[in-house]
Amino acid sequence: MRSKHTDLERYIYLISLQERNENLFYRLVMDNVAEMMPPIYTPTVGLACQRYALIFRRPRGLFINLRDPGHIKQILQNCPKPMCA
């Protein structure tokens, strides 16, 4: 992580780590709070949101709107297979 040059690069690296090994990610954050906060907190997360289309790797969740109670089965059928398998 320390070899990355910008907070956005560090953010991308850390999110990648979180996807691969969530326990290690949280241990790293907890043991290095002062160093980890700039890349995983504002304004870096705001910048990551603005550039989301450029840094998106894979889906990490599924959103079901409360206003769609009659469509939940259809929504789940549209879920990407690797994520919902």
PDB file of N, CA and C in Angstrom:
ATOM      1  N   MET A   1       0.813  -1.183   0.000  1.00  0.00           N
ATOM      2  CA  MET A   1       0.000   0.000   0.000  1.00  0.00           C
ATOM      3  C   MET A   1       0.861   1.253   0.000  1.00  0.00           C
ATOM      4  N   ARG A   2       1.957   1.200   0.700  1.00  0.00           N
ATOM      5  CA  ARG A   2       2.824   2.382   0.813  1.00  0.00           C
ATOM      6  C   ARG A   2       3.526   2.725  -0.499  1.00  0.00           C
ATOM      7  N   SER A   3       3.526   1.807  -1.451  1.00  0.00           N
ATOM      8  CA  SER A   3       4.150   2.100  -2.742  1.00  0.00           C
ATOM      9  C   SER A   3       3.214   2.877  -3.670  1.00  0.00           C
ATOM     10  N   LYS A   4       1.959   2.999  -3.306  1.00  0.00           N
ATOM     11  CA  LYS A   4       1.005   3.749  -4.121  1.00  0.00           C
ATOM     12  C   LYS A   4       1.242   5.240  -3.927  1.00  0.00           C
ATOM     13  N   HIS A   5       1.044   6.016  -4.997  1.00  0.00           N
ATOM     14  CA  HIS A   5       1.405   7.432  -4.977  1.00  0.00           C
ATOM     15  C   HIS A   5       0.281   8.376  -4.566  1.00  0.00           C
ATOM     16  N   THR A   6      -0.971   7.950  -4.723  1.00  0.00           N
ATOM     17  CA  THR A   6      -2.093   8.827  -4.381  1.00  0.00           C
ATOM     18  C   THR A   6      -3.053   8.101  -3.443  1.00  0.00           C
ATOM     19  N   ASP A   7      -3.872   8.875  -2.748  1.00  0.00           N
ATOM     20  CA  ASP A   7      -4.869   8.259  -1.876  1.00  0.00           C
ATOM     21  C   ASP A   7      -5.869   7.441  -2.676  1.00  0.00           C
ATOM     22  N   LEU A   8      -6.190   7.855  -3.901  1.00  0.00           N
ATOM     23  CA  LEU A   8      -7.114   7.076  -4.728  1.00  0.00           C
ATOM     24  C   LEU A   8      -6.495   5.715  -5.077  1.00  0.00           C
ATOM     25  N   GLU A   9      -5.226   5.677  -5.411  1.00  0.00           N
ATOM     26  CA  GLU A   9      -4.549   4.407  -5.679  1.00  0.00           C
ATOM     27  C   GLU A   9      -4.540   3.533  -4.428  1.00  0.00           C
ATOM     28  N   ARG A  10      -4.318   4.139  -3.270  1.00  0.00           N
ATOM     29  CA  ARG A  10      -4.345   3.394  -2.014  1.00  0.00           C
ATOM     30  C   ARG A  10      -5.759   2.870  -1.732  1.00  0.00           C
ATOM     31  N   TYR A  11      -6.765   3.690  -2.009  1.00  0.00           N
ATOM     32  CA  TYR A  11      -8.160   3.271  -1.840  1.00  0.00           C
ATOM     33  C   TYR A  11      -8.446   2.033  -2.702  1.00  0.00           C
ATOM     34  N   ILE A  12      -8.082   2.083  -3.961  1.00  0.00           N
ATOM     35  CA  ILE A  12      -8.309   0.966  -4.881  1.00  0.00           C
ATOM     36  C   ILE A  12      -7.591  -0.285  -4.371  1.00  0.00           C
ATOM     37  N   TYR A  13      -6.372  -0.114  -3.914  1.00  0.00           N
ATOM     38  CA  TYR A  13      -5.615  -1.246  -3.378  1.00  0.00           C
ATOM     39  C   TYR A  13      -6.308  -1.834  -2.151  1.00  0.00           C
ATOM     40  N   LEU A  14      -6.742  -0.977  -1.237  1.00  0.00           N
ATOM     41  CA  LEU A  14      -7.370  -1.446  -0.004  1.00  0.00           C
ATOM     42  C   LEU A  14      -8.715  -2.127  -0.269  1.00  0.00           C
ATOM     43  N   ILE A  15      -9.493  -1.587  -1.197  1.00  0.00           N
ATOM     44  CA  ILE A  15     -10.772  -2.213  -1.530  1.00  0.00           C
ATOM     45  C   ILE A  15     -10.523  -3.581  -2.172  1.00  0.00           C
ATOM     46  N   SER A  16      -9.484  -3.672  -2.973  1.00  0.00           N
ATOM     47  CA  SER A  16      -9.109  -4.956  -3.565  1.00  0.00           C
ATOM     48  C   SER A  16      -8.715  -5.955  -2.467  1.00  0.00           C
ATOM     49  N   LEU A  17      -7.964  -5.485  -1.486  1.00  0.00           N
ATOM     50  CA  LEU A  17      -7.588  -6.331  -0.359  1.00  0.00           C
ATOM     51  C   LEU A  17      -8.840  -6.782   0.408  1.00  0.00           C
ATOM     52  N   GLN A  18      -9.763  -5.863   0.618  1.00  0.00           N
ATOM     53  CA  GLN A  18     -11.002  -6.194   1.331  1.00  0.00           C
ATOM     54  C   GLN A  18     -11.765  -7.292   0.605  1.00  0.00           C
ATOM     55  N   GLU A  19     -11.795  -7.258  -0.712  1.00  0.00           N
ATOM     56  CA  GLU A  19     -12.488  -8.283  -1.489  1.00  0.00           C
ATOM     57  C   GLU A  19     -11.803  -9.640  -1.372  1.00  0.00           C
ATOM     58  N   ARG A  20     -10.470  -9.634  -1.283  1.00  0.00           N
ATOM     59  CA  ARG A  20      -9.713 -10.887  -1.211  1.00  0.00           C
ATOM     60  C   ARG A  20      -9.637 -11.455   0.203  1.00  0.00           C
ATOM     61  N   ASN A  21      -9.459 -10.573   1.192  1.00  0.00           N
ATOM     62  CA  ASN A  21      -9.248 -11.040   2.564  1.00  0.00           C
ATOM     63  C   ASN A  21      -9.775  -9.977   3.526  1.00  0.00           C
ATOM     64  N   GLU A  22     -11.040 -10.074   3.851  1.00  0.00           N
ATOM     65  CA  GLU A  22     -11.694  -9.059   4.671  1.00  0.00           C
ATOM     66  C   GLU A  22     -11.076  -8.969   6.068  1.00  0.00           C
ATOM     67  N   ASN A  23     -10.705 -10.093   6.646  1.00  0.00           N
ATOM     68  CA  ASN A  23     -10.080 -10.069   7.972  1.00  0.00           C
ATOM     69  C   ASN A  23      -8.767  -9.301   7.962  1.00  0.00           C
ATOM     70  N   LEU A  24      -7.945  -9.551   6.949  1.00  0.00           N
ATOM     71  CA  LEU A  24      -6.672  -8.839   6.837  1.00  0.00           C
ATOM     72  C   LEU A  24      -6.897  -7.344   6.622  1.00  0.00           C
ATOM     73  N   PHE A  25      -7.875  -7.002   5.801  1.00  0.00           N
ATOM     74  CA  PHE A  25      -8.193  -5.593   5.561  1.00  0.00           C
ATOM     75  C   PHE A  25      -8.511  -4.888   6.879  1.00  0.00           C
ATOM     76  N   TYR A  26      -9.425  -5.452   7.665  1.00  0.00           N
ATOM     77  CA  TYR A  26      -9.815  -4.788   8.916  1.00  0.00           C
ATOM     78  C   TYR A  26      -8.686  -4.791   9.933  1.00  0.00           C
ATOM     79  N   ARG A  27      -7.854  -5.825   9.968  1.00  0.00           N
ATOM     80  CA  ARG A  27      -6.702  -5.832  10.864  1.00  0.00           C
ATOM     81  C   ARG A  27      -5.735  -4.715  10.480  1.00  0.00           C
ATOM     82  N   LEU A  28      -5.482  -4.567   9.190  1.00  0.00           N
ATOM     83  CA  LEU A  28      -4.593  -3.514   8.704  1.00  0.00           C
ATOM     84  C   LEU A  28      -5.128  -2.135   9.078  1.00  0.00           C
ATOM     85  N   VAL A  29      -6.421  -1.928   8.878  1.00  0.00           N
ATOM     86  CA  VAL A  29      -7.032  -0.643   9.225  1.00  0.00           C
ATOM     87  C   VAL A  29      -6.954  -0.402  10.733  1.00  0.00           C
ATOM     88  N   MET A  30      -7.300  -1.406  11.528  1.00  0.00           N
ATOM     89  CA  MET A  30      -7.291  -1.232  12.980  1.00  0.00           C
ATOM     90  C   MET A  30      -5.889  -0.980  13.528  1.00  0.00           C
ATOM     91  N   ASP A  31      -4.892  -1.632  12.954  1.00  0.00           N
ATOM     92  CA  ASP A  31      -3.529  -1.472  13.451  1.00  0.00           C
ATOM     93  C   ASP A  31      -2.848  -0.200  12.949  1.00  0.00           C
ATOM     94  N   ASN A  32      -3.423   0.444  11.929  1.00  0.00           N
ATOM     95  CA  ASN A  32      -2.805   1.622  11.311  1.00  0.00           C
ATOM     96  C   ASN A  32      -3.860   2.691  11.028  1.00  0.00           C
ATOM     97  N   VAL A  33      -4.677   3.001  12.007  1.00  0.00           N
ATOM     98  CA  VAL A  33      -5.827   3.886  11.795  1.00  0.00           C
ATOM     99  C   VAL A  33      -5.415   5.221  11.190  1.00  0.00           C
ATOM    100  N   ALA A  34      -4.426   5.884  11.751  1.00  0.00           N
ATOM    101  CA  ALA A  34      -4.039   7.212  11.258  1.00  0.00           C
ATOM    102  C   ALA A  34      -3.596   7.168   9.796  1.00  0.00           C
ATOM    103  N   GLU A  35      -2.895   6.137   9.419  1.00  0.00           N
ATOM    104  CA  GLU A  35      -2.406   6.014   8.033  1.00  0.00           C
ATOM    105  C   GLU A  35      -3.515   5.576   7.068  1.00  0.00           C
ATOM    106  N   MET A  36      -4.461   4.787   7.558  1.00  0.00           N
ATOM    107  CA  MET A  36      -5.508   4.238   6.692  1.00  0.00           C
ATOM    108  C   MET A  36      -6.683   5.181   6.476  1.00  0.00           C
ATOM    109  N   MET A  37      -6.918   6.102   7.374  1.00  0.00           N
ATOM    110  CA  MET A  37      -8.109   6.952   7.245  1.00  0.00           C
ATOM    111  C   MET A  37      -8.118   7.811   5.975  1.00  0.00           C
ATOM    112  N   PRO A  38      -7.038   8.460   5.585  1.00  0.00           N
ATOM    113  CA  PRO A  38      -7.130   9.280   4.354  1.00  0.00           C
ATOM    114  C   PRO A  38      -7.578   8.505   3.113  1.00  0.00           C
ATOM    115  N   PRO A  39      -7.072   7.298   2.859  1.00  0.00           N
ATOM    116  CA  PRO A  39      -7.552   6.608   1.662  1.00  0.00           C
ATOM    117  C   PRO A  39      -8.945   5.999   1.782  1.00  0.00           C
ATOM    118  N   ILE A  40      -9.435   5.727   2.981  1.00  0.00           N
ATOM    119  CA  ILE A  40     -10.745   5.074   3.084  1.00  0.00           C
ATOM    120  C   ILE A  40     -11.824   6.009   3.628  1.00  0.00           C
ATOM    121  N   TYR A  41     -11.534   7.283   3.732  1.00  0.00           N
ATOM    122  CA  TYR A  41     -12.500   8.242   4.253  1.00  0.00           C
ATOM    123  C   TYR A  41     -12.552   9.432   3.307  1.00  0.00           C
ATOM    124  N   THR A  42     -13.401  10.414   3.625  1.00  0.00           N
ATOM    125  CA  THR A  42     -13.509  11.587   2.768  1.00  0.00           C
ATOM    126  C   THR A  42     -12.203  12.368   2.790  1.00  0.00           C
ATOM    127  N   PRO A  43     -11.826  13.033   1.735  1.00  0.00           N
ATOM    128  CA  PRO A  43     -12.498  13.185   0.436  1.00  0.00           C
ATOM    129  C   PRO A  43     -12.185  12.072  -0.567  1.00  0.00           C
ATOM    130  N   THR A  44     -11.334  11.116  -0.201  1.00  0.00           N
ATOM    131  CA  THR A  44     -10.942  10.070  -1.148  1.00  0.00           C
ATOM    132  C   THR A  44     -12.132   9.239  -1.601  1.00  0.00           C
ATOM    133  N   VAL A  45     -13.019   8.889  -0.680  1.00  0.00           N
ATOM    134  CA  VAL A  45     -14.185   8.083  -1.059  1.00  0.00           C
ATOM    135  C   VAL A  45     -15.084   8.877  -2.001  1.00  0.00           C
ATOM    136  N   GLY A  46     -15.182  10.187  -1.803  1.00  0.00           N
ATOM    137  CA  GLY A  46     -15.951  11.028  -2.724  1.00  0.00           C
ATOM    138  C   GLY A  46     -15.355  10.994  -4.120  1.00  0.00           C
ATOM    139  N   LEU A  47     -14.046  11.083  -4.204  1.00  0.00           N
ATOM    140  CA  LEU A  47     -13.368  11.006  -5.498  1.00  0.00           C
ATOM    141  C   LEU A  47     -13.574   9.625  -6.123  1.00  0.00           C
ATOM    142  N   ALA A  48     -13.507   8.580  -5.305  1.00  0.00           N
ATOM    143  CA  ALA A  48     -13.745   7.223  -5.813  1.00  0.00           C
ATOM    144  C   ALA A  48     -15.168   7.089  -6.352  1.00  0.00           C
ATOM    145  N   CYS A  49     -16.125   7.719  -5.700  1.00  0.00           N
ATOM    146  CA  CYS A  49     -17.517   7.695  -6.191  1.00  0.00           C
ATOM    147  C   CYS A  49     -17.618   8.400  -7.540  1.00  0.00           C
ATOM    148  N   GLN A  50     -16.925   9.522  -7.675  1.00  0.00           N
ATOM    149  CA  GLN A  50     -16.950  10.261  -8.941  1.00  0.00           C
ATOM    150  C   GLN A  50     -16.322   9.454 -10.060  1.00  0.00           C
ATOM    151  N   ARG A  51     -15.352   8.637  -9.738  1.00  0.00           N
ATOM    152  CA  ARG A  51     -14.633   7.837 -10.751  1.00  0.00           C
ATOM    153  C   ARG A  51     -15.026   6.362 -10.701  1.00  0.00           C
ATOM    154  N   TYR A  52     -16.176   6.103 -10.149  1.00  0.00           N
ATOM    155  CA  TYR A  52     -16.635   4.731  -9.935  1.00  0.00           C
ATOM    156  C   TYR A  52     -16.574   3.890 -11.202  1.00  0.00           C
ATOM    157  N   ALA A  53     -17.017   4.436 -12.299  1.00  0.00           N
ATOM    158  CA  ALA A  53     -17.033   3.674 -13.559  1.00  0.00           C
ATOM    159  C   ALA A  53     -15.629   3.273 -13.990  1.00  0.00           C
ATOM    160  N   LEU A  54     -14.630   4.024 -13.576  1.00  0.00           N
ATOM    161  CA  LEU A  54     -13.255   3.716 -13.966  1.00  0.00           C
ATOM    162  C   LEU A  54     -12.592   2.693 -13.048  1.00  0.00           C
ATOM    163  N   ILE A  55     -13.066   2.591 -11.798  1.00  0.00           N
ATOM    164  CA  ILE A  55     -12.400   1.704 -10.847  1.00  0.00           C
ATOM    165  C   ILE A  55     -13.243   0.491 -10.456  1.00  0.00           C
ATOM    166  N   PHE A  56     -14.459   0.372 -10.977  1.00  0.00           N
ATOM    167  CA  PHE A  56     -15.337  -0.754 -10.653  1.00  0.00           C
ATOM    168  C   PHE A  56     -14.673  -2.067 -11.030  1.00  0.00           C
ATOM    169  N   ARG A  57     -14.685  -3.033 -10.122  1.00  0.00           N
ATOM    170  CA  ARG A  57     -14.102  -4.345 -10.390  1.00  0.00           C
ATOM    171  C   ARG A  57     -15.177  -5.422 -10.529  1.00  0.00           C
ATOM    172  N   ARG A  58     -16.035  -5.526  -9.517  1.00  0.00           N
ATOM    173  CA  ARG A  58     -17.103  -6.528  -9.534  1.00  0.00           C
ATOM    174  C   ARG A  58     -18.168  -6.098  -8.534  1.00  0.00           C
ATOM    175  N   PRO A  59     -19.393  -6.587  -8.691  1.00  0.00           N
ATOM    176  CA  PRO A  59     -20.438  -6.220  -7.734  1.00  0.00           C
ATOM    177  C   PRO A  59     -20.149  -6.803  -6.355  1.00  0.00           C
ATOM    178  N   ARG A  60     -20.537  -6.057  -5.321  1.00  0.00           N
ATOM    179  CA  ARG A  60     -20.291  -6.523  -3.950  1.00  0.00           C
ATOM    180  C   ARG A  60     -21.579  -6.610  -3.146  1.00  0.00           C
ATOM    181  N   GLY A  61     -22.687  -6.530  -3.791  1.00  0.00           N
ATOM    182  CA  GLY A  61     -23.929  -6.614  -3.046  1.00  0.00           C
ATOM    183  C   GLY A  61     -25.124  -6.532  -3.983  1.00  0.00           C
ATOM    184  N   LEU A  62     -26.283  -6.621  -3.399  1.00  0.00           N
ATOM    185  CA  LEU A  62     -27.518  -6.575  -4.169  1.00  0.00           C
ATOM    186  C   LEU A  62     -28.494  -5.687  -3.417  1.00  0.00           C
ATOM    187  N   PHE A  63     -29.091  -4.739  -4.096  1.00  0.00           N
ATOM    188  CA  PHE A  63     -30.043  -3.825  -3.482  1.00  0.00           C
ATOM    189  C   PHE A  63     -31.444  -4.214  -3.906  1.00  0.00           C
ATOM    190  N   ILE A  64     -32.309  -4.409  -2.920  1.00  0.00           N
ATOM    191  CA  ILE A  64     -33.716  -4.666  -3.186  1.00  0.00           C
ATOM    192  C   ILE A  64     -34.499  -3.543  -2.536  1.00  0.00           C
ATOM    193  N   ASN A  65     -35.229  -2.810  -3.334  1.00  0.00           N
ATOM    194  CA  ASN A  65     -36.009  -1.679  -2.864  1.00  0.00           C
ATOM    195  C   ASN A  65     -37.237  -2.171  -2.101  1.00  0.00           C
ATOM    196  N   LEU A  66     -37.540  -1.533  -0.996  1.00  0.00           N
ATOM    197  CA  LEU A  66     -38.719  -1.907  -0.213  1.00  0.00           C
ATOM    198  C   LEU A  66     -40.012  -1.742  -0.994  1.00  0.00           C
ATOM    199  N   ARG A  67     -39.998  -0.916  -2.023  1.00  0.00           N
ATOM    200  CA  ARG A  67     -41.197  -0.684  -2.835  1.00  0.00           C
ATOM    201  C   ARG A  67     -41.415  -1.781  -3.872  1.00  0.00           C
ATOM    202  N   ASP A  68     -40.546  -2.791  -3.901  1.00  0.00           N
ATOM    203  CA  ASP A  68     -40.643  -3.878  -4.876  1.00  0.00           C
ATOM    204  C   ASP A  68     -40.945  -5.235  -4.241  1.00  0.00           C
ATOM    205  N   PRO A  69     -41.842  -5.310  -3.258  1.00  0.00           N
ATOM    206  CA  PRO A  69     -42.049  -6.598  -2.584  1.00  0.00           C
ATOM    207  C   PRO A  69     -42.578  -7.692  -3.504  1.00  0.00           C
ATOM    208  N   GLY A  70     -43.292  -7.336  -4.533  1.00  0.00           N
ATOM    209  CA  GLY A  70     -43.822  -8.338  -5.447  1.00  0.00           C
ATOM    210  C   GLY A  70     -42.850  -8.761  -6.535  1.00  0.00           C
ATOM    211  N   HIS A  71     -41.659  -8.160  -6.561  1.00  0.00           N
ATOM    212  CA  HIS A  71     -40.687  -8.431  -7.624  1.00  0.00           C
ATOM    213  C   HIS A  71     -39.376  -9.016  -7.108  1.00  0.00           C
ATOM    214  N   ILE A  72     -39.332  -9.423  -5.860  1.00  0.00           N
ATOM    215  CA  ILE A  72     -38.069  -9.886  -5.271  1.00  0.00           C
ATOM    216  C   ILE A  72     -37.523 -11.103  -6.006  1.00  0.00           C
ATOM    217  N   LYS A  73     -38.371 -12.067  -6.338  1.00  0.00           N
ATOM    218  CA  LYS A  73     -37.904 -13.257  -7.064  1.00  0.00           C
ATOM    219  C   LYS A  73     -37.279 -12.865  -8.404  1.00  0.00           C
ATOM    220  N   GLN A  74     -37.911 -11.955  -9.125  1.00  0.00           N
ATOM    221  CA  GLN A  74     -37.390 -11.494 -10.416  1.00  0.00           C
ATOM    222  C   GLN A  74     -36.064 -10.766 -10.224  1.00  0.00           C
ATOM    223  N   ILE A  75     -35.958  -9.952  -9.202  1.00  0.00           N
ATOM    224  CA  ILE A  75     -34.712  -9.235  -8.928  1.00  0.00           C
ATOM    225  C   ILE A  75     -33.592 -10.222  -8.636  1.00  0.00           C
ATOM    226  N   LEU A  76     -33.871 -11.225  -7.808  1.00  0.00           N
ATOM    227  CA  LEU A  76     -32.851 -12.226  -7.486  1.00  0.00           C
ATOM    228  C   LEU A  76     -32.446 -13.034  -8.709  1.00  0.00           C
ATOM    229  N   GLN A  77     -33.374 -13.284  -9.627  1.00  0.00           N
ATOM    230  CA  GLN A  77     -33.042 -14.019 -10.850  1.00  0.00           C
ATOM    231  C   GLN A  77     -32.127 -13.198 -11.761  1.00  0.00           C
ATOM    232  N   ASN A  78     -32.163 -11.866 -11.634  1.00  0.00           N
ATOM    233  CA  ASN A  78     -31.310 -11.007 -12.436  1.00  0.00           C
ATOM    234  C   ASN A  78     -29.947 -10.762 -11.810  1.00  0.00           C
ATOM    235  N   CYS A  79     -29.716 -11.298 -10.643  1.00  0.00           N
ATOM    236  CA  CYS A  79     -28.449 -11.118  -9.929  1.00  0.00           C
ATOM    237  C   CYS A  79     -27.327 -11.820 -10.705  1.00  0.00           C
ATOM    238  N   PRO A  80     -26.162 -11.155 -10.857  1.00  0.00           N
ATOM    239  CA  PRO A  80     -25.044 -11.822 -11.533  1.00  0.00           C
ATOM    240  C   PRO A  80     -24.691 -13.139 -10.834  1.00  0.00           C
ATOM    241  N   LYS A  81     -24.518 -14.185 -11.579  1.00  0.00           N
ATOM    242  CA  LYS A  81     -24.329 -15.525 -11.026  1.00  0.00           C
ATOM    243  C   LYS A  81     -23.148 -15.643 -10.043  1.00  0.00           C
ATOM    244  N   PRO A  82     -21.953 -15.103 -10.339  1.00  0.00           N
ATOM    245  CA  PRO A  82     -20.854 -15.258  -9.379  1.00  0.00           C
ATOM    246  C   PRO A  82     -21.152 -14.636  -8.024  1.00  0.00           C
ATOM    247  N   MET A  83     -21.931 -13.544  -8.013  1.00  0.00           N
ATOM    248  CA  MET A  83     -22.222 -12.850  -6.772  1.00  0.00           C
ATOM    249  C   MET A  83     -23.276 -13.585  -5.954  1.00  0.00           C
ATOM    250  N   CYS A  84     -24.257 -14.181  -6.605  1.00  0.00           N
ATOM    251  CA  CYS A  84     -25.384 -14.784  -5.908  1.00  0.00           C
ATOM    252  C   CYS A  84     -25.284 -16.292  -5.807  1.00  0.00           C
ATOM    253  N   ALA A  85     -24.216 -16.850  -6.289  1.00  0.00           N
ATOM    254  CA  ALA A  85     -24.081 -18.312  -6.256  1.00  0.00           C
ATOM    255  C   ALA A  85     -23.781 -18.806  -4.865  1.00  0.00           C
TER     256      ALA A  85
END
